[in-house]
Amino acid sequence: MKGRGLALLVPPLMYREAMGFVATAIHMLTADNFCETVRLTYDTADVYGINIQSTVWYIGCASIATCPRSP
């Protein structure tokens, strides 16, 4: 899964560059970017949408603190 999103970036980025892109996108989010809250298997996630260079990105944020842990 680590490389799945890398192919969607134009121009394609290396892993390190892609992580910088993601960090920048997250820092750009505001309450105005909120779309919805979705139910996951063990938790819920807030989904945000942001337009970066004419490409819409959806970013889901979930807390893993409430997910069950493996023994």
N, C-alpha and C. Protein backbone atom coordinates (compact mmCIF):
# COMPACT_ATOMS: atom_id res chain seq x y z
N MET A 1 0.82 -1.19 0.00
CA MET A 1 0.00 0.00 0.00
C MET A 1 0.86 1.26 0.00
N LYS A 2 2.08 1.16 0.45
CA LYS A 2 2.93 2.33 0.61
C LYS A 2 3.08 3.12 -0.69
N GLY A 3 3.15 2.46 -1.83
CA GLY A 3 3.38 3.15 -3.08
C GLY A 3 2.13 3.44 -3.89
N ARG A 4 0.97 3.00 -3.42
CA ARG A 4 -0.26 3.11 -4.20
C ARG A 4 -0.58 4.55 -4.57
N GLY A 5 -0.49 5.46 -3.62
CA GLY A 5 -0.82 6.86 -3.89
C GLY A 5 0.25 7.59 -4.68
N LEU A 6 1.47 7.07 -4.69
CA LEU A 6 2.54 7.77 -5.39
C LEU A 6 2.27 7.89 -6.88
N ALA A 7 1.61 6.89 -7.47
CA ALA A 7 1.34 6.89 -8.90
C ALA A 7 0.31 7.97 -9.26
N LEU A 8 -0.45 8.44 -8.30
CA LEU A 8 -1.49 9.44 -8.57
C LEU A 8 -0.94 10.86 -8.61
N LEU A 9 0.25 11.05 -8.08
CA LEU A 9 0.83 12.39 -8.07
C LEU A 9 1.40 12.75 -9.43
N VAL A 10 1.14 13.96 -9.87
CA VAL A 10 1.64 14.43 -11.17
C VAL A 10 2.48 15.66 -10.92
N PRO A 11 3.75 15.68 -11.23
CA PRO A 11 4.52 14.54 -11.73
C PRO A 11 4.73 13.51 -10.62
N PRO A 12 4.98 12.24 -11.01
CA PRO A 12 5.19 11.20 -9.99
C PRO A 12 6.34 11.58 -9.05
N LEU A 13 6.16 11.31 -7.77
CA LEU A 13 7.16 11.66 -6.77
C LEU A 13 7.76 10.41 -6.15
N MET A 14 8.95 10.54 -5.65
CA MET A 14 9.56 9.47 -4.89
C MET A 14 8.91 9.47 -3.51
N TYR A 15 9.10 8.39 -2.75
CA TYR A 15 8.44 8.23 -1.45
C TYR A 15 8.70 9.41 -0.53
N ARG A 16 9.94 9.84 -0.41
CA ARG A 16 10.30 10.95 0.49
C ARG A 16 9.60 12.25 0.07
N GLU A 17 9.57 12.52 -1.23
CA GLU A 17 8.90 13.73 -1.73
C GLU A 17 7.39 13.64 -1.49
N ALA A 18 6.84 12.44 -1.68
CA ALA A 18 5.40 12.25 -1.49
C ALA A 18 5.01 12.49 -0.03
N MET A 19 5.84 12.05 0.90
CA MET A 19 5.54 12.27 2.31
C MET A 19 5.57 13.77 2.63
N GLY A 20 6.45 14.52 1.99
CA GLY A 20 6.47 15.97 2.15
C GLY A 20 5.20 16.60 1.60
N PHE A 21 4.74 16.09 0.46
CA PHE A 21 3.50 16.57 -0.16
C PHE A 21 2.33 16.34 0.78
N VAL A 22 2.25 15.15 1.36
CA VAL A 22 1.16 14.81 2.28
C VAL A 22 1.20 15.71 3.51
N ALA A 23 2.38 15.90 4.08
CA ALA A 23 2.50 16.77 5.26
C ALA A 23 2.05 18.19 4.94
N THR A 24 2.43 18.70 3.78
CA THR A 24 2.02 20.04 3.37
C THR A 24 0.51 20.11 3.20
N ALA A 25 -0.07 19.09 2.56
CA ALA A 25 -1.53 19.05 2.35
C ALA A 25 -2.26 19.05 3.68
N ILE A 26 -1.78 18.28 4.65
CA ILE A 26 -2.43 18.22 5.96
C ILE A 26 -2.35 19.58 6.65
N HIS A 27 -1.23 20.26 6.54
CA HIS A 27 -1.09 21.58 7.16
C HIS A 27 -1.99 22.63 6.50
N MET A 28 -2.40 22.39 5.27
CA MET A 28 -3.28 23.33 4.56
C MET A 28 -4.75 23.16 4.95
N LEU A 29 -5.10 22.05 5.60
CA LEU A 29 -6.50 21.78 5.93
C LEU A 29 -7.02 22.75 6.99
N THR A 30 -8.27 23.13 6.80
CA THR A 30 -8.98 23.95 7.79
C THR A 30 -10.35 23.32 8.02
N ALA A 31 -11.10 23.85 8.95
CA ALA A 31 -12.45 23.35 9.22
C ALA A 31 -13.33 23.46 7.97
N ASP A 32 -13.05 24.42 7.10
CA ASP A 32 -13.82 24.59 5.87
C ASP A 32 -13.64 23.41 4.91
N ASN A 33 -12.57 22.64 5.05
CA ASN A 33 -12.32 21.49 4.18
C ASN A 33 -13.05 20.23 4.63
N PHE A 34 -13.72 20.28 5.79
CA PHE A 34 -14.42 19.10 6.31
C PHE A 34 -15.54 18.68 5.36
N CYS A 35 -15.60 17.36 5.06
CA CYS A 35 -16.65 16.83 4.18
C CYS A 35 -17.68 16.03 4.97
N GLU A 36 -17.20 15.00 5.69
CA GLU A 36 -18.12 14.12 6.41
C GLU A 36 -17.35 13.26 7.40
N THR A 37 -18.09 12.62 8.29
CA THR A 37 -17.53 11.60 9.17
C THR A 37 -18.03 10.26 8.67
N VAL A 38 -17.12 9.31 8.50
CA VAL A 38 -17.50 7.98 7.99
C VAL A 38 -17.20 6.92 9.04
N ARG A 39 -17.99 5.86 9.03
CA ARG A 39 -17.80 4.76 9.96
C ARG A 39 -16.84 3.75 9.37
N LEU A 40 -15.83 3.40 10.15
CA LEU A 40 -14.88 2.37 9.76
C LEU A 40 -15.19 1.10 10.55
N THR A 41 -14.43 0.05 10.33
CA THR A 41 -14.69 -1.21 11.03
C THR A 41 -14.67 -1.05 12.54
N TYR A 42 -13.64 -0.40 13.07
CA TYR A 42 -13.50 -0.27 14.51
C TYR A 42 -13.57 1.16 15.02
N ASP A 43 -13.77 2.11 14.17
CA ASP A 43 -13.68 3.51 14.57
C ASP A 43 -14.44 4.37 13.57
N THR A 44 -14.31 5.66 13.68
CA THR A 44 -14.84 6.60 12.70
C THR A 44 -13.68 7.45 12.19
N ALA A 45 -13.86 8.04 11.04
CA ALA A 45 -12.83 8.92 10.46
C ALA A 45 -13.50 10.17 9.93
N ASP A 46 -12.84 11.28 10.11
CA ASP A 46 -13.28 12.53 9.52
C ASP A 46 -12.60 12.66 8.16
N VAL A 47 -13.38 13.01 7.14
CA VAL A 47 -12.87 13.14 5.78
C VAL A 47 -12.85 14.61 5.40
N TYR A 48 -11.72 15.02 4.87
CA TYR A 48 -11.52 16.39 4.42
C TYR A 48 -11.19 16.39 2.93
N GLY A 49 -11.62 17.40 2.21
CA GLY A 49 -11.30 17.53 0.80
C GLY A 49 -10.52 18.81 0.56
N ILE A 50 -9.52 18.72 -0.29
CA ILE A 50 -8.71 19.90 -0.58
C ILE A 50 -8.30 19.87 -2.05
N ASN A 51 -8.30 21.03 -2.68
CA ASN A 51 -7.92 21.15 -4.08
C ASN A 51 -6.49 21.69 -4.14
N ILE A 52 -5.59 20.88 -4.69
CA ILE A 52 -4.19 21.27 -4.82
C ILE A 52 -3.80 21.16 -6.29
N GLN A 53 -3.45 22.28 -6.90
CA GLN A 53 -3.05 22.33 -8.30
C GLN A 53 -4.08 21.64 -9.21
N SER A 54 -5.34 22.00 -9.04
CA SER A 54 -6.47 21.50 -9.85
C SER A 54 -6.75 20.02 -9.67
N THR A 55 -6.24 19.40 -8.61
CA THR A 55 -6.54 18.01 -8.30
C THR A 55 -7.17 17.97 -6.91
N VAL A 56 -8.33 17.32 -6.81
CA VAL A 56 -9.01 17.22 -5.53
C VAL A 56 -8.50 15.99 -4.79
N TRP A 57 -8.13 16.19 -3.54
CA TRP A 57 -7.64 15.12 -2.68
C TRP A 57 -8.59 14.98 -1.50
N TYR A 58 -8.89 13.74 -1.12
CA TYR A 58 -9.68 13.46 0.07
C TYR A 58 -8.76 12.83 1.09
N ILE A 59 -8.74 13.40 2.29
CA ILE A 59 -7.85 12.94 3.34
C ILE A 59 -8.72 12.50 4.52
N GLY A 60 -8.55 11.25 4.93
CA GLY A 60 -9.28 10.72 6.07
C GLY A 60 -8.41 10.71 7.31
N CYS A 61 -8.94 11.19 8.40
CA CYS A 61 -8.20 11.24 9.66
C CYS A 61 -8.95 10.44 10.71
N ALA A 62 -8.29 9.40 11.23
CA ALA A 62 -8.90 8.56 12.26
C ALA A 62 -7.92 8.40 13.41
N SER A 63 -8.45 8.26 14.61
CA SER A 63 -7.62 8.02 15.77
C SER A 63 -7.42 6.52 15.92
N ILE A 64 -6.17 6.09 15.98
CA ILE A 64 -5.92 4.66 16.15
C ILE A 64 -5.92 4.25 17.61
N ALA A 65 -6.05 5.22 18.51
CA ALA A 65 -6.03 4.91 19.94
C ALA A 65 -7.22 4.04 20.36
N THR A 66 -8.32 4.12 19.62
CA THR A 66 -9.50 3.35 19.99
C THR A 66 -9.63 2.04 19.24
N CYS A 67 -8.72 1.76 18.32
CA CYS A 67 -8.76 0.50 17.57
C CYS A 67 -8.28 -0.65 18.44
N PRO A 68 -8.88 -1.82 18.29
CA PRO A 68 -8.41 -2.96 19.07
C PRO A 68 -6.97 -3.33 18.73
N ARG A 69 -6.24 -3.74 19.72
CA ARG A 69 -4.84 -4.12 19.50
C ARG A 69 -4.71 -5.63 19.41
N SER A 70 -3.74 -6.05 18.61
CA SER A 70 -3.46 -7.48 18.51
C SER A 70 -2.77 -7.95 19.79
N PRO A 71 -3.03 -9.18 20.22
CA PRO A 71 -2.35 -9.69 21.44
C PRO A 71 -0.87 -9.85 21.23
